[in-house]
């Protein structure tokens, strides 16, 4: 079996979903770290800002990762299709 062509829009959707999921994980980490710093700083300057930054990371990172993952998947599928035209695609052996 040989993969001769990949639909760029299909690959872009999958790339966007995978990247958004990774962005969500990164956002959770940012949120937890921001919460720790916010709790440690307490009422001092920057305590609320650290917690706000962590919460915004949890919202913005999945969105940004998803957008850039979509664009990256689109570009990669386009380049794959060009390369597959020259070399014939990827050969996959199945049982």
PDB file of N, CA and C in Angstrom:
ATOM      1  N   UNK A   1       0.853  -1.156   0.000  1.00  0.00           N
ATOM      2  CA  UNK A   1       0.000   0.000   0.000  1.00  0.00           C
ATOM      3  C   UNK A   1       0.913   1.237   0.000  1.00  0.00           C
ATOM      4  N   UNK A   2       0.540   2.240  -0.802  1.00  0.00           N
ATOM      5  CA  UNK A   2       1.329   3.468  -0.920  1.00  0.00           C
ATOM      6  C   UNK A   2       0.416   4.667  -0.698  1.00  0.00           C
ATOM      7  N   UNK A   3       0.826   5.552   0.204  1.00  0.00           N
ATOM      8  CA  UNK A   3       0.096   6.802   0.399  1.00  0.00           C
ATOM      9  C   UNK A   3       0.591   7.773  -0.660  1.00  0.00           C
ATOM     10  N   UNK A   4      -0.268   8.076  -1.642  1.00  0.00           N
ATOM     11  CA  UNK A   4       0.134   8.939  -2.738  1.00  0.00           C
ATOM     12  C   UNK A   4      -0.260  10.392  -2.522  1.00  0.00           C
ATOM     13  N   UNK A   5      -1.297  10.636  -1.742  1.00  0.00           N
ATOM     14  CA  UNK A   5      -1.764  12.007  -1.532  1.00  0.00           C
ATOM     15  C   UNK A   5      -2.468  12.106  -0.188  1.00  0.00           C
ATOM     16  N   UNK A   6      -2.294  13.246   0.464  1.00  0.00           N
ATOM     17  CA  UNK A   6      -2.979  13.542   1.718  1.00  0.00           C
ATOM     18  C   UNK A   6      -3.816  14.789   1.487  1.00  0.00           C
ATOM     19  N   UNK A   7      -5.089  14.732   1.869  1.00  0.00           N
ATOM     20  CA  UNK A   7      -5.936  15.906   1.750  1.00  0.00           C
ATOM     21  C   UNK A   7      -5.454  16.964   2.733  1.00  0.00           C
ATOM     22  N   UNK A   8      -4.981  18.133   2.236  1.00  0.00           N
ATOM     23  CA  UNK A   8      -4.413  19.141   3.140  1.00  0.00           C
ATOM     24  C   UNK A   8      -5.388  19.626   4.206  1.00  0.00           C
ATOM     25  N   UNK A   9      -6.653  19.818   3.870  1.00  0.00           N
ATOM     26  CA  UNK A   9      -7.614  20.308   4.858  1.00  0.00           C
ATOM     27  C   UNK A   9      -7.855  19.264   5.944  1.00  0.00           C
ATOM     28  N   UNK A  10      -7.917  18.005   5.567  1.00  0.00           N
ATOM     29  CA  UNK A  10      -8.090  16.931   6.537  1.00  0.00           C
ATOM     30  C   UNK A  10      -6.892  16.855   7.478  1.00  0.00           C
ATOM     31  N   UNK A  11      -5.687  16.934   6.915  1.00  0.00           N
ATOM     32  CA  UNK A  11      -4.483  16.904   7.741  1.00  0.00           C
ATOM     33  C   UNK A  11      -4.413  18.124   8.646  1.00  0.00           C
ATOM     34  N   UNK A  12      -4.859  19.278   8.141  1.00  0.00           N
ATOM     35  CA  UNK A  12      -4.842  20.501   8.939  1.00  0.00           C
ATOM     36  C   UNK A  12      -5.798  20.395  10.125  1.00  0.00           C
ATOM     37  N   UNK A  13      -6.972  19.803   9.914  1.00  0.00           N
ATOM     38  CA  UNK A  13      -7.927  19.636  11.017  1.00  0.00           C
ATOM     39  C   UNK A  13      -7.348  18.744  12.105  1.00  0.00           C
ATOM     40  N   UNK A  14      -6.768  17.620  11.707  1.00  0.00           N
ATOM     41  CA  UNK A  14      -6.182  16.698  12.677  1.00  0.00           C
ATOM     42  C   UNK A  14      -5.010  17.370  13.394  1.00  0.00           C
ATOM     43  N   UNK A  15      -4.159  18.071  12.638  1.00  0.00           N
ATOM     44  CA  UNK A  15      -3.033  18.777  13.253  1.00  0.00           C
ATOM     45  C   UNK A  15      -3.495  19.821  14.247  1.00  0.00           C
ATOM     46  N   UNK A  16      -4.569  20.541  13.903  1.00  0.00           N
ATOM     47  CA  UNK A  16      -5.107  21.554  14.806  1.00  0.00           C
ATOM     48  C   UNK A  16      -5.662  20.959  16.080  1.00  0.00           C
ATOM     49  N   UNK A  17      -6.370  19.838  15.968  1.00  0.00           N
ATOM     50  CA  UNK A  17      -6.949  19.186  17.147  1.00  0.00           C
ATOM     51  C   UNK A  17      -5.852  18.641  18.059  1.00  0.00           C
ATOM     52  N   UNK A  18      -4.850  17.999  17.467  1.00  0.00           N
ATOM     53  CA  UNK A  18      -3.750  17.460  18.274  1.00  0.00           C
ATOM     54  C   UNK A  18      -3.002  18.591  18.970  1.00  0.00           C
ATOM     55  N   UNK A  19      -2.698  19.664  18.237  1.00  0.00           N
ATOM     56  CA  UNK A  19      -1.975  20.789  18.827  1.00  0.00           C
ATOM     57  C   UNK A  19      -2.803  21.474  19.910  1.00  0.00           C
ATOM     58  N   UNK A  20      -4.112  21.587  19.713  1.00  0.00           N
ATOM     59  CA  UNK A  20      -4.970  22.199  20.736  1.00  0.00           C
ATOM     60  C   UNK A  20      -4.978  21.354  22.011  1.00  0.00           C
ATOM     61  N   UNK A  21      -4.983  20.036  21.864  1.00  0.00           N
ATOM     62  CA  UNK A  21      -4.932  19.161  23.042  1.00  0.00           C
ATOM     63  C   UNK A  21      -3.611  19.344  23.792  1.00  0.00           C
ATOM     64  N   UNK A  22      -2.516  19.455  23.056  1.00  0.00           N
ATOM     65  CA  UNK A  22      -1.217  19.705  23.683  1.00  0.00           C
ATOM     66  C   UNK A  22      -1.219  21.088  24.337  1.00  0.00           C
ATOM     67  N   UNK A  23      -1.838  22.067  23.672  1.00  0.00           N
ATOM     68  CA  UNK A  23      -1.951  23.406  24.246  1.00  0.00           C
ATOM     69  C   UNK A  23      -2.768  23.414  25.526  1.00  0.00           C
ATOM     70  N   UNK A  24      -3.791  22.574  25.589  1.00  0.00           N
ATOM     71  CA  UNK A  24      -4.589  22.473  26.805  1.00  0.00           C
ATOM     72  C   UNK A  24      -3.748  21.930  27.953  1.00  0.00           C
ATOM     73  N   UNK A  25      -2.938  20.909  27.672  1.00  0.00           N
ATOM     74  CA  UNK A  25      -2.049  20.377  28.700  1.00  0.00           C
ATOM     75  C   UNK A  25      -1.055  21.438  29.158  1.00  0.00           C
ATOM     76  N   UNK A  26      -0.475  22.166  28.208  1.00  0.00           N
ATOM     77  CA  UNK A  26       0.456  23.243  28.564  1.00  0.00           C
ATOM     78  C   UNK A  26      -0.266  24.332  29.349  1.00  0.00           C
ATOM     79  N   UNK A  27      -1.507  24.640  28.983  1.00  0.00           N
ATOM     80  CA  UNK A  27      -2.281  25.644  29.695  1.00  0.00           C
ATOM     81  C   UNK A  27      -2.565  25.246  31.130  1.00  0.00           C
ATOM     82  N   UNK A  28      -2.838  23.966  31.348  1.00  0.00           N
ATOM     83  CA  UNK A  28      -3.064  23.477  32.712  1.00  0.00           C
ATOM     84  C   UNK A  28      -1.794  23.641  33.543  1.00  0.00           C
ATOM     85  N   UNK A  29      -0.652  23.333  32.953  1.00  0.00           N
ATOM     86  CA  UNK A  29       0.624  23.505  33.656  1.00  0.00           C
ATOM     87  C   UNK A  29       0.839  24.986  33.985  1.00  0.00           C
ATOM     88  N   UNK A  30       0.599  25.876  33.018  1.00  0.00           N
ATOM     89  CA  UNK A  30       0.730  27.308  33.264  1.00  0.00           C
ATOM     90  C   UNK A  30      -0.207  27.747  34.381  1.00  0.00           C
ATOM     91  N   UNK A  31      -1.435  27.240  34.368  1.00  0.00           N
ATOM     92  CA  UNK A  31      -2.404  27.596  35.393  1.00  0.00           C
ATOM     93  C   UNK A  31      -1.933  27.159  36.780  1.00  0.00           C
ATOM     94  N   UNK A  32      -1.455  25.916  36.867  1.00  0.00           N
ATOM     95  CA  UNK A  32      -0.988  25.412  38.158  1.00  0.00           C
ATOM     96  C   UNK A  32       0.214  26.198  38.672  1.00  0.00           C
ATOM     97  N   UNK A  33       1.168  26.484  37.791  1.00  0.00           N
ATOM     98  CA  UNK A  33       2.343  27.257  38.190  1.00  0.00           C
ATOM     99  C   UNK A  33       1.931  28.673  38.570  1.00  0.00           C
ATOM    100  N   UNK A  34       1.046  29.288  37.787  1.00  0.00           N
ATOM    101  CA  UNK A  34       0.561  30.628  38.112  1.00  0.00           C
ATOM    102  C   UNK A  34      -0.178  30.665  39.432  1.00  0.00           C
ATOM    103  N   UNK A  35      -0.947  29.640  39.710  1.00  0.00           N
ATOM    104  CA  UNK A  35      -1.677  29.563  40.985  1.00  0.00           C
ATOM    105  C   UNK A  35      -0.713  29.417  42.154  1.00  0.00           C
ATOM    106  N   UNK A  36       0.332  28.604  41.957  1.00  0.00           N
ATOM    107  CA  UNK A  36       1.322  28.446  43.026  1.00  0.00           C
ATOM    108  C   UNK A  36       2.018  29.766  43.325  1.00  0.00           C
ATOM    109  N   UNK A  37       2.435  30.474  42.273  1.00  0.00           N
ATOM    110  CA  UNK A  37       3.089  31.766  42.479  1.00  0.00           C
ATOM    111  C   UNK A  37       2.127  32.774  43.088  1.00  0.00           C
ATOM    112  N   UNK A  38       0.879  32.747  42.627  1.00  0.00           N
ATOM    113  CA  UNK A  38      -0.118  33.662  43.177  1.00  0.00           C
ATOM    114  C   UNK A  38      -0.362  33.411  44.655  1.00  0.00           C
ATOM    115  N   UNK A  39      -0.425  32.146  45.032  1.00  0.00           N
ATOM    116  CA  UNK A  39      -0.639  31.809  46.439  1.00  0.00           C
ATOM    117  C   UNK A  39       0.595  32.149  47.272  1.00  0.00           C
ATOM    118  N   UNK A  40       1.785  31.924  46.697  1.00  0.00           N
ATOM    119  CA  UNK A  40       3.019  32.210  47.427  1.00  0.00           C
ATOM    120  C   UNK A  40       3.204  33.704  47.630  1.00  0.00           C
ATOM    121  N   UNK A  41       2.830  34.491  46.633  1.00  0.00           N
ATOM    122  CA  UNK A  41       3.005  35.940  46.738  1.00  0.00           C
ATOM    123  C   UNK A  41       1.905  36.582  47.576  1.00  0.00           C
ATOM    124  N   UNK A  42       0.758  35.924  47.620  1.00  0.00           N
ATOM    125  CA  UNK A  42      -0.349  36.410  48.440  1.00  0.00           C
ATOM    126  C   UNK A  42      -0.766  37.823  48.086  1.00  0.00           C
ATOM    127  N   UNK A  43      -0.777  38.697  49.060  1.00  0.00           N
ATOM    128  CA  UNK A  43      -1.239  40.063  48.854  1.00  0.00           C
ATOM    129  C   UNK A  43      -0.138  40.969  48.312  1.00  0.00           C
ATOM    130  N   UNK A  44       1.056  40.482  48.184  1.00  0.00           N
ATOM    131  CA  UNK A  44       2.140  41.309  47.649  1.00  0.00           C
ATOM    132  C   UNK A  44       1.877  41.619  46.188  1.00  0.00           C
ATOM    133  N   UNK A  45       2.637  42.545  45.653  1.00  0.00           N
ATOM    134  CA  UNK A  45       2.465  42.895  44.238  1.00  0.00           C
ATOM    135  C   UNK A  45       2.764  41.693  43.363  1.00  0.00           C
ATOM    136  N   UNK A  46       1.955  41.503  42.367  1.00  0.00           N
ATOM    137  CA  UNK A  46       2.179  40.423  41.409  1.00  0.00           C
ATOM    138  C   UNK A  46       1.439  39.146  41.722  1.00  0.00           C
ATOM    139  N   UNK A  47       0.856  39.033  42.899  1.00  0.00           N
ATOM    140  CA  UNK A  47       0.148  37.803  43.249  1.00  0.00           C
ATOM    141  C   UNK A  47      -1.054  37.562  42.354  1.00  0.00           C
ATOM    142  N   UNK A  48      -1.890  38.585  42.206  1.00  0.00           N
ATOM    143  CA  UNK A  48      -3.058  38.461  41.339  1.00  0.00           C
ATOM    144  C   UNK A  48      -2.672  38.331  39.878  1.00  0.00           C
ATOM    145  N   UNK A  49      -1.592  39.002  39.484  1.00  0.00           N
ATOM    146  CA  UNK A  49      -1.127  38.943  38.091  1.00  0.00           C
ATOM    147  C   UNK A  49      -0.656  37.545  37.736  1.00  0.00           C
ATOM    148  N   UNK A  50       0.022  36.878  38.656  1.00  0.00           N
ATOM    149  CA  UNK A  50       0.500  35.518  38.400  1.00  0.00           C
ATOM    150  C   UNK A  50      -0.678  34.563  38.220  1.00  0.00           C
ATOM    151  N   UNK A  51      -1.699  34.701  39.040  1.00  0.00           N
ATOM    152  CA  UNK A  51      -2.873  33.836  38.906  1.00  0.00           C
ATOM    153  C   UNK A  51      -3.632  34.136  37.617  1.00  0.00           C
ATOM    154  N   UNK A  52      -3.734  35.439  37.265  1.00  0.00           N
ATOM    155  CA  UNK A  52      -4.410  35.828  36.028  1.00  0.00           C
ATOM    156  C   UNK A  52      -3.659  35.286  34.820  1.00  0.00           C
ATOM    157  N   UNK A  53      -2.328  35.390  34.849  1.00  0.00           N
ATOM    158  CA  UNK A  53      -1.516  34.863  33.750  1.00  0.00           C
ATOM    159  C   UNK A  53      -1.685  33.367  33.584  1.00  0.00           C
ATOM    160  N   UNK A  54      -1.781  32.646  34.695  1.00  0.00           N
ATOM    161  CA  UNK A  54      -1.991  31.204  34.621  1.00  0.00           C
ATOM    162  C   UNK A  54      -3.341  30.859  34.033  1.00  0.00           C
ATOM    163  N   UNK A  55      -4.376  31.604  34.432  1.00  0.00           N
ATOM    164  CA  UNK A  55      -5.717  31.354  33.898  1.00  0.00           C
ATOM    165  C   UNK A  55      -5.788  31.694  32.414  1.00  0.00           C
ATOM    166  N   UNK A  56      -5.152  32.785  32.025  1.00  0.00           N
ATOM    167  CA  UNK A  56      -5.162  33.165  30.607  1.00  0.00           C
ATOM    168  C   UNK A  56      -4.382  32.158  29.769  1.00  0.00           C
ATOM    169  N   UNK A  57      -3.317  31.595  30.353  1.00  0.00           N
ATOM    170  CA  UNK A  57      -2.569  30.565  29.642  1.00  0.00           C
ATOM    171  C   UNK A  57      -3.429  29.346  29.356  1.00  0.00           C
ATOM    172  N   UNK A  58      -4.311  29.028  30.290  1.00  0.00           N
ATOM    173  CA  UNK A  58      -5.191  27.875  30.116  1.00  0.00           C
ATOM    174  C   UNK A  58      -6.221  28.117  29.020  1.00  0.00           C
ATOM    175  N   UNK A  59      -6.554  29.379  28.766  1.00  0.00           N
ATOM    176  CA  UNK A  59      -7.525  29.714  27.726  1.00  0.00           C
ATOM    177  C   UNK A  59      -6.827  29.960  26.386  1.00  0.00           C
ATOM    178  N   UNK A  60      -5.764  30.749  26.418  1.00  0.00           N
ATOM    179  CA  UNK A  60      -5.124  31.165  25.166  1.00  0.00           C
ATOM    180  C   UNK A  60      -4.254  30.093  24.515  1.00  0.00           C
ATOM    181  N   UNK A  61      -3.533  29.315  25.319  1.00  0.00           N
ATOM    182  CA  UNK A  61      -2.628  28.334  24.732  1.00  0.00           C
ATOM    183  C   UNK A  61      -3.338  27.315  23.839  1.00  0.00           C
ATOM    184  N   UNK A  62      -4.450  26.707  24.250  1.00  0.00           N
ATOM    185  CA  UNK A  62      -5.111  25.763  23.341  1.00  0.00           C
ATOM    186  C   UNK A  62      -5.568  26.431  22.039  1.00  0.00           C
ATOM    187  N   UNK A  63      -6.021  27.671  22.129  1.00  0.00           N
ATOM    188  CA  UNK A  63      -6.473  28.374  20.923  1.00  0.00           C
ATOM    189  C   UNK A  63      -5.293  28.637  19.990  1.00  0.00           C
ATOM    190  N   UNK A  64      -4.213  29.190  20.542  1.00  0.00           N
ATOM    191  CA  UNK A  64      -3.050  29.499  19.712  1.00  0.00           C
ATOM    192  C   UNK A  64      -2.394  28.228  19.165  1.00  0.00           C
ATOM    193  N   UNK A  65      -2.245  27.212  20.011  1.00  0.00           N
ATOM    194  CA  UNK A  65      -1.672  25.949  19.548  1.00  0.00           C
ATOM    195  C   UNK A  65      -2.547  25.352  18.449  1.00  0.00           C
ATOM    196  N   UNK A  66      -3.859  25.416  18.613  1.00  0.00           N
ATOM    197  CA  UNK A  66      -4.766  24.876  17.599  1.00  0.00           C
ATOM    198  C   UNK A  66      -4.641  25.601  16.273  1.00  0.00           C
ATOM    199  N   UNK A  67      -4.555  26.925  16.315  1.00  0.00           N
ATOM    200  CA  UNK A  67      -4.418  27.706  15.076  1.00  0.00           C
ATOM    201  C   UNK A  67      -3.107  27.371  14.367  1.00  0.00           C
ATOM    202  N   UNK A  68      -2.012  27.391  15.133  1.00  0.00           N
ATOM    203  CA  UNK A  68      -0.716  27.109  14.511  1.00  0.00           C
ATOM    204  C   UNK A  68      -0.585  25.647  14.106  1.00  0.00           C
ATOM    205  N   UNK A  69      -1.220  24.731  14.834  1.00  0.00           N
ATOM    206  CA  UNK A  69      -1.231  23.328  14.436  1.00  0.00           C
ATOM    207  C   UNK A  69      -1.993  23.120  13.135  1.00  0.00           C
ATOM    208  N   UNK A  70      -3.110  23.860  12.970  1.00  0.00           N
ATOM    209  CA  UNK A  70      -3.888  23.790  11.736  1.00  0.00           C
ATOM    210  C   UNK A  70      -3.045  24.276  10.561  1.00  0.00           C
ATOM    211  N   UNK A  71      -2.400  25.417  10.731  1.00  0.00           N
ATOM    212  CA  UNK A  71      -1.568  25.982   9.667  1.00  0.00           C
ATOM    213  C   UNK A  71      -0.398  25.048   9.360  1.00  0.00           C
ATOM    214  N   UNK A  72       0.234  24.507  10.414  1.00  0.00           N
ATOM    215  CA  UNK A  72       1.346  23.584  10.217  1.00  0.00           C
ATOM    216  C   UNK A  72       0.924  22.316   9.490  1.00  0.00           C
ATOM    217  N   UNK A  73      -0.230  21.760   9.854  1.00  0.00           N
ATOM    218  CA  UNK A  73      -0.734  20.561   9.179  1.00  0.00           C
ATOM    219  C   UNK A  73      -1.039  20.814   7.713  1.00  0.00           C
ATOM    220  N   UNK A  74      -1.576  21.991   7.422  1.00  0.00           N
ATOM    221  CA  UNK A  74      -1.875  22.366   6.039  1.00  0.00           C
ATOM    222  C   UNK A  74      -0.595  22.456   5.218  1.00  0.00           C
ATOM    223  N   UNK A  75       0.405  23.114   5.756  1.00  0.00           N
ATOM    224  CA  UNK A  75       1.685  23.263   5.053  1.00  0.00           C
ATOM    225  C   UNK A  75       2.370  21.911   4.872  1.00  0.00           C
ATOM    226  N   UNK A  76       2.369  21.087   5.918  1.00  0.00           N
ATOM    227  CA  UNK A  76       3.019  19.779   5.833  1.00  0.00           C
ATOM    228  C   UNK A  76       2.352  18.879   4.800  1.00  0.00           C
ATOM    229  N   UNK A  77       1.023  18.876   4.747  1.00  0.00           N
ATOM    230  CA  UNK A  77       0.322  18.047   3.764  1.00  0.00           C
ATOM    231  C   UNK A  77       0.600  18.547   2.348  1.00  0.00           C
ATOM    232  N   UNK A  78       0.649  19.857   2.168  1.00  0.00           N
ATOM    233  CA  UNK A  78       0.944  20.426   0.854  1.00  0.00           C
ATOM    234  C   UNK A  78       2.347  20.013   0.400  1.00  0.00           C
ATOM    235  N   UNK A  79       3.322  20.138   1.301  1.00  0.00           N
ATOM    236  CA  UNK A  79       4.693  19.758   0.955  1.00  0.00           C
ATOM    237  C   UNK A  79       4.793  18.256   0.717  1.00  0.00           C
ATOM    238  N   UNK A  80       4.081  17.455   1.522  1.00  0.00           N
ATOM    239  CA  UNK A  80       4.089  16.006   1.305  1.00  0.00           C
ATOM    240  C   UNK A  80       3.569  15.667  -0.086  1.00  0.00           C
ATOM    241  N   UNK A  81       2.474  16.315  -0.480  1.00  0.00           N
ATOM    242  CA  UNK A  81       1.899  16.029  -1.790  1.00  0.00           C
ATOM    243  C   UNK A  81       2.870  16.396  -2.911  1.00  0.00           C
ATOM    244  N   UNK A  82       3.610  17.469  -2.746  1.00  0.00           N
ATOM    245  CA  UNK A  82       4.623  17.826  -3.745  1.00  0.00           C
ATOM    246  C   UNK A  82       5.725  16.771  -3.794  1.00  0.00           C
ATOM    247  N   UNK A  83       6.215  16.381  -2.623  1.00  0.00           N
ATOM    248  CA  UNK A  83       7.293  15.393  -2.561  1.00  0.00           C
ATOM    249  C   UNK A  83       6.827  14.033  -3.062  1.00  0.00           C
ATOM    250  N   UNK A  84       5.595  13.645  -2.741  1.00  0.00           N
ATOM    251  CA  UNK A  84       5.073  12.348  -3.188  1.00  0.00           C
ATOM    252  C   UNK A  84       4.954  12.300  -4.701  1.00  0.00           C
ATOM    253  N   UNK A  85       4.740  13.457  -5.333  1.00  0.00           N
ATOM    254  CA  UNK A  85       4.706  13.500  -6.788  1.00  0.00           C
ATOM    255  C   UNK A  85       6.048  13.146  -7.404  1.00  0.00           C
ATOM    256  N   UNK A  86       7.122  13.451  -6.699  1.00  0.00           N
ATOM    257  CA  UNK A  86       8.463  13.146  -7.206  1.00  0.00           C
ATOM    258  C   UNK A  86       8.898  11.722  -6.896  1.00  0.00           C
ATOM    259  N   UNK A  87       8.637  11.262  -5.663  1.00  0.00           N
ATOM    260  CA  UNK A  87       9.166   9.959  -5.234  1.00  0.00           C
ATOM    261  C   UNK A  87       8.101   8.866  -5.182  1.00  0.00           C
ATOM    262  N   UNK A  88       6.847   9.201  -5.342  1.00  0.00           N
ATOM    263  CA  UNK A  88       5.805   8.185  -5.399  1.00  0.00           C
ATOM    264  C   UNK A  88       5.081   7.936  -4.095  1.00  0.00           C
ATOM    265  N   UNK A  89       5.417   8.588  -3.021  1.00  0.00           N
ATOM    266  CA  UNK A  89       4.698   8.425  -1.767  1.00  0.00           C
ATOM    267  C   UNK A  89       5.423   7.554  -0.770  1.00  0.00           C
ATOM    268  N   UNK A  90       4.737   7.285   0.333  1.00  0.00           N
ATOM    269  CA  UNK A  90       5.300   6.461   1.410  1.00  0.00           C
ATOM    270  C   UNK A  90       4.745   5.048   1.251  1.00  0.00           C
ATOM    271  N   UNK A  91       5.645   4.081   1.231  1.00  0.00           N
ATOM    272  CA  UNK A  91       5.226   2.683   1.120  1.00  0.00           C
ATOM    273  C   UNK A  91       4.997   2.134   2.520  1.00  0.00           C
ATOM    274  N   UNK A  92       3.812   1.549   2.718  1.00  0.00           N
ATOM    275  CA  UNK A  92       3.439   0.963   4.004  1.00  0.00           C
ATOM    276  C   UNK A  92       3.166  -0.522   3.806  1.00  0.00           C
ATOM    277  N   UNK A  93       3.787  -1.346   4.637  1.00  0.00           N
ATOM    278  CA  UNK A  93       3.549  -2.786   4.562  1.00  0.00           C
ATOM    279  C   UNK A  93       2.544  -3.168   5.644  1.00  0.00           C
ATOM    280  N   UNK A  94       1.497  -3.871   5.238  1.00  0.00           N
ATOM    281  CA  UNK A  94       0.486  -4.337   6.182  1.00  0.00           C
ATOM    282  C   UNK A  94       0.340  -5.843   6.062  1.00  0.00           C
ATOM    283  N   UNK A  95      -0.233  -6.440   7.069  1.00  0.00           N
ATOM    284  CA  UNK A  95      -0.443  -7.891   7.021  1.00  0.00           C
ATOM    285  C   UNK A  95      -1.855  -8.193   6.604  1.00  0.00           C
TER     286      UNK A  95
END
